[in-house]
Amino acid sequence: DGDVEVVLFVVMAPEQTLTPELEKRIRS
């Protein structure tokens, strides 16, 4: 649409996984 969207790349800490719940918490 001509705008800019923010894209975030994350490296997880040992034994951690990027889950939908964590994504929600990051955004919140």
mmCIF file of all heavy atoms, coordinates in Angstrom:
data_MODEL
# 
_entry.id   MODEL 
# 
loop_
_atom_site.group_PDB 
_atom_site.id 
_atom_site.type_symbol 
_atom_site.label_atom_id 
_atom_site.label_alt_id 
_atom_site.label_comp_id 
_atom_site.label_asym_id 
_atom_site.label_entity_id 
_atom_site.label_seq_id 
_atom_site.pdbx_PDB_ins_code 
_atom_site.Cartn_x 
_atom_site.Cartn_y 
_atom_site.Cartn_z 
_atom_site.occupancy 
_atom_site.B_iso_or_equiv 
_atom_site.pdbx_formal_charge 
_atom_site.auth_seq_id 
_atom_site.auth_comp_id 
_atom_site.auth_asym_id 
_atom_site.auth_atom_id 
_atom_site.pdbx_PDB_model_num 
ATOM 1   N N   . ASP A 1 1  ? 0.813  -1.217  0.000  1.00 0.00 ? 1  ASP A N   1 
ATOM 2   C CA  . ASP A 1 1  ? 0.000  0.000   0.000  1.00 0.00 ? 1  ASP A CA  1 
ATOM 3   C C   . ASP A 1 1  ? 0.846  1.265   0.000  1.00 0.00 ? 1  ASP A C   1 
ATOM 4   O O   . ASP A 1 1  ? 0.329  2.375   0.155  1.00 0.00 ? 1  ASP A O   1 
ATOM 5   C CB  . ASP A 1 1  ? -0.951 0.009   1.196  1.00 0.00 ? 1  ASP A CB  1 
ATOM 6   C CG  . ASP A 1 1  ? -0.217 0.029   2.535  1.00 0.00 ? 1  ASP A CG  1 
ATOM 7   O OD1 . ASP A 1 1  ? 1.034  0.063   2.531  1.00 0.00 ? 1  ASP A OD1 1 
ATOM 8   O OD2 . ASP A 1 1  ? -0.895 0.003   3.589  1.00 0.00 ? 1  ASP A OD2 1 
ATOM 9   N N   . GLY A 1 2  ? 2.170  1.092   -0.162 1.00 0.00 ? 2  GLY A N   1 
ATOM 10  C CA  . GLY A 1 2  ? 3.063  2.239   -0.186 1.00 0.00 ? 2  GLY A CA  1 
ATOM 11  C C   . GLY A 1 2  ? 3.634  2.601   1.160  1.00 0.00 ? 2  GLY A C   1 
ATOM 12  O O   . GLY A 1 2  ? 4.508  3.469   1.259  1.00 0.00 ? 2  GLY A O   1 
ATOM 13  N N   . ASP A 1 3  ? 3.147  1.982   2.225  1.00 0.00 ? 3  ASP A N   1 
ATOM 14  C CA  . ASP A 1 3  ? 3.641  2.245   3.574  1.00 0.00 ? 3  ASP A CA  1 
ATOM 15  C C   . ASP A 1 3  ? 4.863  1.365   3.852  1.00 0.00 ? 3  ASP A C   1 
ATOM 16  O O   . ASP A 1 3  ? 5.355  0.657   2.978  1.00 0.00 ? 3  ASP A O   1 
ATOM 17  C CB  . ASP A 1 3  ? 2.532  1.962   4.591  1.00 0.00 ? 3  ASP A CB  1 
ATOM 18  C CG  . ASP A 1 3  ? 2.768  2.666   5.926  1.00 0.00 ? 3  ASP A CG  1 
ATOM 19  O OD1 . ASP A 1 3  ? 3.844  3.280   6.094  1.00 0.00 ? 3  ASP A OD1 1 
ATOM 20  O OD2 . ASP A 1 3  ? 1.875  2.589   6.801  1.00 0.00 ? 3  ASP A OD2 1 
ATOM 21  N N   . VAL A 1 4  ? 5.348  1.414   5.065  1.00 0.00 ? 4  VAL A N   1 
ATOM 22  C CA  . VAL A 1 4  ? 6.470  0.600   5.517  1.00 0.00 ? 4  VAL A CA  1 
ATOM 23  C C   . VAL A 1 4  ? 5.993  -0.259  6.673  1.00 0.00 ? 4  VAL A C   1 
ATOM 24  O O   . VAL A 1 4  ? 5.294  0.226   7.572  1.00 0.00 ? 4  VAL A O   1 
ATOM 25  C CB  . VAL A 1 4  ? 7.651  1.490   5.975  1.00 0.00 ? 4  VAL A CB  1 
ATOM 26  C CG1 . VAL A 1 4  ? 8.744  0.641   6.616  1.00 0.00 ? 4  VAL A CG1 1 
ATOM 27  C CG2 . VAL A 1 4  ? 8.211  2.278   4.809  1.00 0.00 ? 4  VAL A CG2 1 
ATOM 28  N N   . GLU A 1 5  ? 6.353  -1.549  6.639  1.00 0.00 ? 5  GLU A N   1 
ATOM 29  C CA  . GLU A 1 5  ? 6.027  -2.407  7.771  1.00 0.00 ? 5  GLU A CA  1 
ATOM 30  C C   . GLU A 1 5  ? 7.314  -2.801  8.490  1.00 0.00 ? 5  GLU A C   1 
ATOM 31  O O   . GLU A 1 5  ? 8.375  -2.923  7.880  1.00 0.00 ? 5  GLU A O   1 
ATOM 32  C CB  . GLU A 1 5  ? 5.257  -3.646  7.329  1.00 0.00 ? 5  GLU A CB  1 
ATOM 33  C CG  . GLU A 1 5  ? 6.008  -4.612  6.440  1.00 0.00 ? 5  GLU A CG  1 
ATOM 34  C CD  . GLU A 1 5  ? 5.161  -5.823  6.064  1.00 0.00 ? 5  GLU A CD  1 
ATOM 35  O OE1 . GLU A 1 5  ? 3.916  -5.748  6.193  1.00 0.00 ? 5  GLU A OE1 1 
ATOM 36  O OE2 . GLU A 1 5  ? 5.744  -6.841  5.638  1.00 0.00 ? 5  GLU A OE2 1 
ATOM 37  N N   . VAL A 1 6  ? 7.188  -2.969  9.792  1.00 0.00 ? 6  VAL A N   1 
ATOM 38  C CA  . VAL A 1 6  ? 8.321  -3.314  10.631 1.00 0.00 ? 6  VAL A CA  1 
ATOM 39  C C   . VAL A 1 6  ? 8.493  -4.830  10.626 1.00 0.00 ? 6  VAL A C   1 
ATOM 40  O O   . VAL A 1 6  ? 7.540  -5.574  10.889 1.00 0.00 ? 6  VAL A O   1 
ATOM 41  C CB  . VAL A 1 6  ? 8.120  -2.797  12.067 1.00 0.00 ? 6  VAL A CB  1 
ATOM 42  C CG1 . VAL A 1 6  ? 9.295  -3.210  12.952 1.00 0.00 ? 6  VAL A CG1 1 
ATOM 43  C CG2 . VAL A 1 6  ? 7.948  -1.280  12.073 1.00 0.00 ? 6  VAL A CG2 1 
ATOM 44  N N   . VAL A 1 7  ? 9.719  -5.285  10.319 1.00 0.00 ? 7  VAL A N   1 
ATOM 45  C CA  . VAL A 1 7  ? 10.026 -6.707  10.319 1.00 0.00 ? 7  VAL A CA  1 
ATOM 46  C C   . VAL A 1 7  ? 11.090 -6.959  11.384 1.00 0.00 ? 7  VAL A C   1 
ATOM 47  O O   . VAL A 1 7  ? 12.134 -6.293  11.403 1.00 0.00 ? 7  VAL A O   1 
ATOM 48  C CB  . VAL A 1 7  ? 10.530 -7.173  8.939  1.00 0.00 ? 7  VAL A CB  1 
ATOM 49  C CG1 . VAL A 1 7  ? 10.858 -8.665  8.964  1.00 0.00 ? 7  VAL A CG1 1 
ATOM 50  C CG2 . VAL A 1 7  ? 9.493  -6.873  7.865  1.00 0.00 ? 7  VAL A CG2 1 
ATOM 51  N N   . LEU A 1 8  ? 10.819 -7.925  12.245 1.00 0.00 ? 8  LEU A N   1 
ATOM 52  C CA  . LEU A 1 8  ? 11.707 -8.226  13.369 1.00 0.00 ? 8  LEU A CA  1 
ATOM 53  C C   . LEU A 1 8  ? 12.256 -9.644  13.231 1.00 0.00 ? 8  LEU A C   1 
ATOM 54  O O   . LEU A 1 8  ? 11.497 -10.600 13.035 1.00 0.00 ? 8  LEU A O   1 
ATOM 55  C CB  . LEU A 1 8  ? 10.934 -8.098  14.694 1.00 0.00 ? 8  LEU A CB  1 
ATOM 56  C CG  . LEU A 1 8  ? 11.672 -8.488  15.974 1.00 0.00 ? 8  LEU A CG  1 
ATOM 57  C CD1 . LEU A 1 8  ? 12.839 -7.555  16.249 1.00 0.00 ? 8  LEU A CD1 1 
ATOM 58  C CD2 . LEU A 1 8  ? 10.701 -8.488  17.164 1.00 0.00 ? 8  LEU A CD2 1 
ATOM 59  N N   . PHE A 1 9  ? 13.583 -9.757  13.327 1.00 0.00 ? 9  PHE A N   1 
ATOM 60  C CA  . PHE A 1 9  ? 14.236 -11.059 13.363 1.00 0.00 ? 9  PHE A CA  1 
ATOM 61  C C   . PHE A 1 9  ? 14.776 -11.276 14.776 1.00 0.00 ? 9  PHE A C   1 
ATOM 62  O O   . PHE A 1 9  ? 15.386 -10.366 15.352 1.00 0.00 ? 9  PHE A O   1 
ATOM 63  C CB  . PHE A 1 9  ? 15.386 -11.118 12.360 1.00 0.00 ? 9  PHE A CB  1 
ATOM 64  C CG  . PHE A 1 9  ? 14.957 -10.929 10.931 1.00 0.00 ? 9  PHE A CG  1 
ATOM 65  C CD1 . PHE A 1 9  ? 14.949 -9.662  10.359 1.00 0.00 ? 9  PHE A CD1 1 
ATOM 66  C CD2 . PHE A 1 9  ? 14.547 -12.006 10.158 1.00 0.00 ? 9  PHE A CD2 1 
ATOM 67  C CE1 . PHE A 1 9  ? 14.545 -9.471  9.051  1.00 0.00 ? 9  PHE A CE1 1 
ATOM 68  C CE2 . PHE A 1 9  ? 14.144 -11.826 8.847  1.00 0.00 ? 9  PHE A CE2 1 
ATOM 69  C CZ  . PHE A 1 9  ? 14.136 -10.563 8.291  1.00 0.00 ? 9  PHE A CZ  1 
ATOM 70  N N   . VAL A 1 10 ? 14.560 -12.455 15.322 1.00 0.00 ? 10 VAL A N   1 
ATOM 71  C CA  . VAL A 1 10 ? 15.003 -12.735 16.687 1.00 0.00 ? 10 VAL A CA  1 
ATOM 72  C C   . VAL A 1 10 ? 15.839 -14.009 16.711 1.00 0.00 ? 10 VAL A C   1 
ATOM 73  O O   . VAL A 1 10 ? 15.573 -14.967 15.976 1.00 0.00 ? 10 VAL A O   1 
ATOM 74  C CB  . VAL A 1 10 ? 13.822 -12.868 17.674 1.00 0.00 ? 10 VAL A CB  1 
ATOM 75  C CG1 . VAL A 1 10 ? 13.113 -11.534 17.846 1.00 0.00 ? 10 VAL A CG1 1 
ATOM 76  C CG2 . VAL A 1 10 ? 12.850 -13.940 17.222 1.00 0.00 ? 10 VAL A CG2 1 
ATOM 77  N N   . VAL A 1 11 ? 16.859 -13.998 17.552 1.00 0.00 ? 11 VAL A N   1 
ATOM 78  C CA  . VAL A 1 11 ? 17.625 -15.192 17.878 1.00 0.00 ? 11 VAL A CA  1 
ATOM 79  C C   . VAL A 1 11 ? 17.161 -15.643 19.256 1.00 0.00 ? 11 VAL A C   1 
ATOM 80  O O   . VAL A 1 11 ? 17.191 -14.850 20.208 1.00 0.00 ? 11 VAL A O   1 
ATOM 81  C CB  . VAL A 1 11 ? 19.139 -14.915 17.882 1.00 0.00 ? 11 VAL A CB  1 
ATOM 82  C CG1 . VAL A 1 11 ? 19.919 -16.140 18.330 1.00 0.00 ? 11 VAL A CG1 1 
ATOM 83  C CG2 . VAL A 1 11 ? 19.601 -14.458 16.513 1.00 0.00 ? 11 VAL A CG2 1 
ATOM 84  N N   . MET A 1 12 ? 16.714 -16.868 19.348 1.00 0.00 ? 12 MET A N   1 
ATOM 85  C CA  . MET A 1 12 ? 16.180 -17.347 20.604 1.00 0.00 ? 12 MET A CA  1 
ATOM 86  C C   . MET A 1 12 ? 17.299 -17.746 21.571 1.00 0.00 ? 12 MET A C   1 
ATOM 87  O O   . MET A 1 12 ? 18.376 -18.212 21.157 1.00 0.00 ? 12 MET A O   1 
ATOM 88  C CB  . MET A 1 12 ? 15.247 -18.544 20.371 1.00 0.00 ? 12 MET A CB  1 
ATOM 89  C CG  . MET A 1 12 ? 14.112 -18.267 19.391 1.00 0.00 ? 12 MET A CG  1 
ATOM 90  S SD  . MET A 1 12 ? 13.191 -16.755 19.782 1.00 0.00 ? 12 MET A SD  1 
ATOM 91  C CE  . MET A 1 12 ? 12.581 -17.157 21.426 1.00 0.00 ? 12 MET A CE  1 
ATOM 92  N N   . ALA A 1 13 ? 17.044 -17.560 22.849 1.00 0.00 ? 13 ALA A N   1 
ATOM 93  C CA  . ALA A 1 13 ? 17.967 -18.032 23.874 1.00 0.00 ? 13 ALA A CA  1 
ATOM 94  C C   . ALA A 1 13 ? 17.999 -19.560 23.849 1.00 0.00 ? 13 ALA A C   1 
ATOM 95  O O   . ALA A 1 13 ? 17.095 -20.204 23.303 1.00 0.00 ? 13 ALA A O   1 
ATOM 96  C CB  . ALA A 1 13 ? 17.522 -17.521 25.244 1.00 0.00 ? 13 ALA A CB  1 
ATOM 97  N N   . PRO A 1 14 ? 19.042 -20.173 24.404 1.00 0.00 ? 14 PRO A N   1 
ATOM 98  C CA  . PRO A 1 14 ? 19.121 -21.642 24.388 1.00 0.00 ? 14 PRO A CA  1 
ATOM 99  C C   . PRO A 1 14 ? 17.852 -22.297 24.934 1.00 0.00 ? 14 PRO A C   1 
ATOM 100 O O   . PRO A 1 14 ? 17.286 -21.855 25.948 1.00 0.00 ? 14 PRO A O   1 
ATOM 101 C CB  . PRO A 1 14 ? 20.337 -21.924 25.290 1.00 0.00 ? 14 PRO A CB  1 
ATOM 102 C CG  . PRO A 1 14 ? 21.181 -20.708 25.161 1.00 0.00 ? 14 PRO A CG  1 
ATOM 103 C CD  . PRO A 1 14 ? 20.220 -19.565 25.037 1.00 0.00 ? 14 PRO A CD  1 
ATOM 104 N N   . GLU A 1 15 ? 17.413 -23.314 24.218 1.00 0.00 ? 15 GLU A N   1 
ATOM 105 C CA  . GLU A 1 15 ? 16.260 -24.130 24.593 1.00 0.00 ? 15 GLU A CA  1 
ATOM 106 C C   . GLU A 1 15 ? 14.941 -23.354 24.556 1.00 0.00 ? 15 GLU A C   1 
ATOM 107 O O   . GLU A 1 15 ? 13.951 -23.764 25.170 1.00 0.00 ? 15 GLU A O   1 
ATOM 108 C CB  . GLU A 1 15 ? 16.461 -24.762 25.982 1.00 0.00 ? 15 GLU A CB  1 
ATOM 109 C CG  . GLU A 1 15 ? 17.708 -25.645 26.063 1.00 0.00 ? 15 GLU A CG  1 
ATOM 110 C CD  . GLU A 1 15 ? 17.881 -26.287 27.422 1.00 0.00 ? 15 GLU A CD  1 
ATOM 111 O OE1 . GLU A 1 15 ? 17.016 -26.087 28.299 1.00 0.00 ? 15 GLU A OE1 1 
ATOM 112 O OE2 . GLU A 1 15 ? 18.899 -26.970 27.609 1.00 0.00 ? 15 GLU A OE2 1 
ATOM 113 N N   . GLN A 1 16 ? 14.916 -22.230 23.834 1.00 0.00 ? 16 GLN A N   1 
ATOM 114 C CA  . GLN A 1 16 ? 13.684 -21.448 23.696 1.00 0.00 ? 16 GLN A CA  1 
ATOM 115 C C   . GLN A 1 16 ? 13.199 -21.508 22.248 1.00 0.00 ? 16 GLN A C   1 
ATOM 116 O O   . GLN A 1 16 ? 13.991 -21.679 21.318 1.00 0.00 ? 16 GLN A O   1 
ATOM 117 C CB  . GLN A 1 16 ? 13.912 -19.988 24.105 1.00 0.00 ? 16 GLN A CB  1 
ATOM 118 C CG  . GLN A 1 16 ? 14.334 -19.810 25.555 1.00 0.00 ? 16 GLN A CG  1 
ATOM 119 C CD  . GLN A 1 16 ? 13.261 -20.226 26.533 1.00 0.00 ? 16 GLN A CD  1 
ATOM 120 O OE1 . GLN A 1 16 ? 12.065 -20.090 26.264 1.00 0.00 ? 16 GLN A OE1 1 
ATOM 121 N NE2 . GLN A 1 16 ? 13.682 -20.757 27.678 1.00 0.00 ? 16 GLN A NE2 1 
ATOM 122 N N   . THR A 1 17 ? 11.906 -21.343 22.066 1.00 0.00 ? 17 THR A N   1 
ATOM 123 C CA  . THR A 1 17 ? 11.275 -21.407 20.750 1.00 0.00 ? 17 THR A CA  1 
ATOM 124 C C   . THR A 1 17 ? 10.363 -20.206 20.569 1.00 0.00 ? 17 THR A C   1 
ATOM 125 O O   . THR A 1 17 ? 9.736  -19.746 21.531 1.00 0.00 ? 17 THR A O   1 
ATOM 126 C CB  . THR A 1 17 ? 10.451 -22.703 20.601 1.00 0.00 ? 17 THR A CB  1 
ATOM 127 O OG1 . THR A 1 17 ? 11.299 -23.824 20.847 1.00 0.00 ? 17 THR A OG1 1 
ATOM 128 C CG2 . THR A 1 17 ? 9.863  -22.825 19.197 1.00 0.00 ? 17 THR A CG2 1 
ATOM 129 N N   . LEU A 1 18 ? 10.293 -19.703 19.336 1.00 0.00 ? 18 LEU A N   1 
ATOM 130 C CA  . LEU A 1 18 ? 9.389  -18.601 19.037 1.00 0.00 ? 18 LEU A CA  1 
ATOM 131 C C   . LEU A 1 18 ? 7.981  -19.170 18.843 1.00 0.00 ? 18 LEU A C   1 
ATOM 132 O O   . LEU A 1 18 ? 7.654  -19.711 17.788 1.00 0.00 ? 18 LEU A O   1 
ATOM 133 C CB  . LEU A 1 18 ? 9.841  -17.853 17.782 1.00 0.00 ? 18 LEU A CB  1 
ATOM 134 C CG  . LEU A 1 18 ? 8.977  -16.660 17.362 1.00 0.00 ? 18 LEU A CG  1 
ATOM 135 C CD1 . LEU A 1 18 ? 8.967  -15.593 18.447 1.00 0.00 ? 18 LEU A CD1 1 
ATOM 136 C CD2 . LEU A 1 18 ? 9.467  -16.081 16.037 1.00 0.00 ? 18 LEU A CD2 1 
ATOM 137 N N   . THR A 1 19 ? 7.178  -19.057 19.861 1.00 0.00 ? 19 THR A N   1 
ATOM 138 C CA  . THR A 1 19 ? 5.804  -19.564 19.822 1.00 0.00 ? 19 THR A CA  1 
ATOM 139 C C   . THR A 1 19 ? 4.840  -18.426 19.535 1.00 0.00 ? 19 THR A C   1 
ATOM 140 O O   . THR A 1 19 ? 5.183  -17.242 19.698 1.00 0.00 ? 19 THR A O   1 
ATOM 141 C CB  . THR A 1 19 ? 5.441  -20.197 21.169 1.00 0.00 ? 19 THR A CB  1 
ATOM 142 O OG1 . THR A 1 19 ? 5.490  -19.158 22.182 1.00 0.00 ? 19 THR A OG1 1 
ATOM 143 C CG2 . THR A 1 19 ? 6.424  -21.302 21.539 1.00 0.00 ? 19 THR A CG2 1 
ATOM 144 N N   . PRO A 1 20 ? 3.597  -18.734 19.105 1.00 0.00 ? 20 PRO A N   1 
ATOM 145 C CA  . PRO A 1 20 ? 2.595  -17.673 18.929 1.00 0.00 ? 20 PRO A CA  1 
ATOM 146 C C   . PRO A 1 20 ? 2.386  -16.861 20.202 1.00 0.00 ? 20 PRO A C   1 
ATOM 147 O O   . PRO A 1 20 ? 2.180  -15.646 20.138 1.00 0.00 ? 20 PRO A O   1 
ATOM 148 C CB  . PRO A 1 20 ? 1.336  -18.447 18.530 1.00 0.00 ? 20 PRO A CB  1 
ATOM 149 C CG  . PRO A 1 20 ? 1.857  -19.680 17.868 1.00 0.00 ? 20 PRO A CG  1 
ATOM 150 C CD  . PRO A 1 20 ? 3.097  -20.046 18.612 1.00 0.00 ? 20 PRO A CD  1 
ATOM 151 N N   . GLU A 1 21 ? 2.463  -17.532 21.351 1.00 0.00 ? 21 GLU A N   1 
ATOM 152 C CA  . GLU A 1 21 ? 2.278  -16.806 22.615 1.00 0.00 ? 21 GLU A CA  1 
ATOM 153 C C   . GLU A 1 21 ? 3.402  -15.810 22.841 1.00 0.00 ? 21 GLU A C   1 
ATOM 154 O O   . GLU A 1 21 ? 3.173  -14.674 23.280 1.00 0.00 ? 21 GLU A O   1 
ATOM 155 C CB  . GLU A 1 21 ? 2.217  -17.820 23.767 1.00 0.00 ? 21 GLU A CB  1 
ATOM 156 C CG  . GLU A 1 21 ? 1.913  -17.214 25.136 1.00 0.00 ? 21 GLU A CG  1 
ATOM 157 C CD  . GLU A 1 21 ? 3.127  -16.587 25.818 1.00 0.00 ? 21 GLU A CD  1 
ATOM 158 O OE1 . GLU A 1 21 ? 4.264  -17.077 25.581 1.00 0.00 ? 21 GLU A OE1 1 
ATOM 159 O OE2 . GLU A 1 21 ? 2.942  -15.600 26.570 1.00 0.00 ? 21 GLU A OE2 1 
ATOM 160 N N   . LEU A 1 22 ? 4.665  -16.225 22.520 1.00 0.00 ? 22 LEU A N   1 
ATOM 161 C CA  . LEU A 1 22 ? 5.793  -15.313 22.702 1.00 0.00 ? 22 LEU A CA  1 
ATOM 162 C C   . LEU A 1 22 ? 5.710  -14.162 21.707 1.00 0.00 ? 22 LEU A C   1 
ATOM 163 O O   . LEU A 1 22 ? 6.010  -13.013 22.052 1.00 0.00 ? 22 LEU A O   1 
ATOM 164 C CB  . LEU A 1 22 ? 7.116  -16.067 22.546 1.00 0.00 ? 22 LEU A CB  1 
ATOM 165 C CG  . LEU A 1 22 ? 8.385  -15.222 22.700 1.00 0.00 ? 22 LEU A CG  1 
ATOM 166 C CD1 . LEU A 1 22 ? 8.418  -14.520 24.051 1.00 0.00 ? 22 LEU A CD1 1 
ATOM 167 C CD2 . LEU A 1 22 ? 9.638  -16.084 22.503 1.00 0.00 ? 22 LEU A CD2 1 
ATOM 168 N N   . GLU A 1 23 ? 5.330  -14.440 20.456 1.00 0.00 ? 23 GLU A N   1 
ATOM 169 C CA  . GLU A 1 23 ? 5.145  -13.365 19.476 1.00 0.00 ? 23 GLU A CA  1 
ATOM 170 C C   . GLU A 1 23 ? 4.154  -12.331 20.006 1.00 0.00 ? 23 GLU A C   1 
ATOM 171 O O   . GLU A 1 23 ? 4.382  -11.119 19.897 1.00 0.00 ? 23 GLU A O   1 
ATOM 172 C CB  . GLU A 1 23 ? 4.639  -13.933 18.151 1.00 0.00 ? 23 GLU A CB  1 
ATOM 173 C CG  . GLU A 1 23 ? 5.685  -14.658 17.333 1.00 0.00 ? 23 GLU A CG  1 
ATOM 174 C CD  . GLU A 1 23 ? 5.240  -14.857 15.894 1.00 0.00 ? 23 GLU A CD  1 
ATOM 175 O OE1 . GLU A 1 23 ? 4.680  -13.909 15.312 1.00 0.00 ? 23 GLU A OE1 1 
ATOM 176 O OE2 . GLU A 1 23 ? 5.444  -15.952 15.355 1.00 0.00 ? 23 GLU A OE2 1 
ATOM 177 N N   . LYS A 1 24 ? 3.054  -12.815 20.569 1.00 0.00 ? 24 LYS A N   1 
ATOM 178 C CA  . LYS A 1 24 ? 2.035  -11.905 21.108 1.00 0.00 ? 24 LYS A CA  1 
ATOM 179 C C   . LYS A 1 24 ? 2.607  -11.071 22.250 1.00 0.00 ? 24 LYS A C   1 
ATOM 180 O O   . LYS A 1 24 ? 2.357  -9.855  22.349 1.00 0.00 ? 24 LYS A O   1 
ATOM 181 C CB  . LYS A 1 24 ? 0.832  -12.710 21.582 1.00 0.00 ? 24 LYS A CB  1 
ATOM 182 C CG  . LYS A 1 24 ? -0.311 -11.858 22.099 1.00 0.00 ? 24 LYS A CG  1 
ATOM 183 C CD  . LYS A 1 24 ? -1.504 -12.725 22.491 1.00 0.00 ? 24 LYS A CD  1 
ATOM 184 C CE  . LYS A 1 24 ? -2.648 -11.866 23.022 1.00 0.00 ? 24 LYS A CE  1 
ATOM 185 N NZ  . LYS A 1 24 ? -3.825 -12.720 23.406 1.00 0.00 ? 24 LYS A NZ  1 
ATOM 186 N N   . ARG A 1 25 ? 3.426  -11.728 23.097 1.00 0.00 ? 25 ARG A N   1 
ATOM 187 C CA  . ARG A 1 25 ? 3.999  -11.003 24.233 1.00 0.00 ? 25 ARG A CA  1 
ATOM 188 C C   . ARG A 1 25 ? 5.007  -9.957  23.756 1.00 0.00 ? 25 ARG A C   1 
ATOM 189 O O   . ARG A 1 25 ? 5.090  -8.848  24.323 1.00 0.00 ? 25 ARG A O   1 
ATOM 190 C CB  . ARG A 1 25 ? 4.659  -12.009 25.185 1.00 0.00 ? 25 ARG A CB  1 
ATOM 191 C CG  . ARG A 1 25 ? 5.221  -11.397 26.458 1.00 0.00 ? 25 ARG A CG  1 
ATOM 192 C CD  . ARG A 1 25 ? 5.134  -12.383 27.623 1.00 0.00 ? 25 ARG A CD  1 
ATOM 193 N NE  . ARG A 1 25 ? 5.750  -13.647 27.311 1.00 0.00 ? 25 ARG A NE  1 
ATOM 194 C CZ  . ARG A 1 25 ? 7.033  -13.946 27.548 1.00 0.00 ? 25 ARG A CZ  1 
ATOM 195 N NH1 . ARG A 1 25 ? 7.821  -13.020 28.087 1.00 0.00 ? 25 ARG A NH1 1 
ATOM 196 N NH2 . ARG A 1 25 ? 7.521  -15.132 27.254 1.00 0.00 ? 25 ARG A NH2 1 
ATOM 197 N N   . ILE A 1 26 ? 5.803  -10.297 22.734 1.00 0.00 ? 26 ILE A N   1 
ATOM 198 C CA  . ILE A 1 26 ? 6.754  -9.326  22.183 1.00 0.00 ? 26 ILE A CA  1 
ATOM 199 C C   . ILE A 1 26 ? 6.010  -8.105  21.653 1.00 0.00 ? 26 ILE A C   1 
ATOM 200 O O   . ILE A 1 26 ? 6.370  -6.957  21.946 1.00 0.00 ? 26 ILE A O   1 
ATOM 201 C CB  . ILE A 1 26 ? 7.597  -9.981  21.068 1.00 0.00 ? 26 ILE A CB  1 
ATOM 202 C CG1 . ILE A 1 26 ? 8.567  -11.006 21.657 1.00 0.00 ? 26 ILE A CG1 1 
ATOM 203 C CG2 . ILE A 1 26 ? 8.372  -8.920  20.285 1.00 0.00 ? 26 ILE A CG2 1 
ATOM 204 C CD1 . ILE A 1 26 ? 9.302  -11.832 20.617 1.00 0.00 ? 26 ILE A CD1 1 
ATOM 205 N N   . ARG A 1 27 ? 4.963  -8.354  20.871 1.00 0.00 ? 27 ARG A N   1 
ATOM 206 C CA  . ARG A 1 27 ? 4.200  -7.234  20.299 1.00 0.00 ? 27 ARG A CA  1 
ATOM 207 C C   . ARG A 1 27 ? 3.532  -6.401  21.395 1.00 0.00 ? 27 ARG A C   1 
ATOM 208 O O   . ARG A 1 27 ? 3.517  -5.163  21.335 1.00 0.00 ? 27 ARG A O   1 
ATOM 209 C CB  . ARG A 1 27 ? 3.154  -7.759  19.311 1.00 0.00 ? 27 ARG A CB  1 
ATOM 210 C CG  . ARG A 1 27 ? 3.737  -8.279  18.003 1.00 0.00 ? 27 ARG A CG  1 
ATOM 211 C CD  . ARG A 1 27 ? 2.646  -8.550  16.981 1.00 0.00 ? 27 ARG A CD  1 
ATOM 212 N NE  . ARG A 1 27 ? 3.214  -8.911  15.691 1.00 0.00 ? 27 ARG A NE  1 
ATOM 213 C CZ  . ARG A 1 27 ? 3.403  -10.168 15.279 1.00 0.00 ? 27 ARG A CZ  1 
ATOM 214 N NH1 . ARG A 1 27 ? 3.041  -11.179 16.059 1.00 0.00 ? 27 ARG A NH1 1 
ATOM 215 N NH2 . ARG A 1 27 ? 3.941  -10.407 14.100 1.00 0.00 ? 27 ARG A NH2 1 
ATOM 216 N N   . SER A 1 28 ? 3.008  -7.074  22.392 1.00 0.00 ? 28 SER A N   1 
ATOM 217 C CA  . SER A 1 28 ? 2.326  -6.347  23.471 1.00 0.00 ? 28 SER A CA  1 
ATOM 218 C C   . SER A 1 28 ? 3.303  -5.469  24.237 1.00 0.00 ? 28 SER A C   1 
ATOM 219 O O   . SER A 1 28 ? 2.992  -4.330  24.602 1.00 0.00 ? 28 SER A O   1 
ATOM 220 C CB  . SER A 1 28 ? 1.657  -7.340  24.427 1.00 0.00 ? 28 SER A CB  1 
ATOM 221 O OG  . SER A 1 28 ? 0.647  -8.060  23.775 1.00 0.00 ? 28 SER A OG  1 
# 
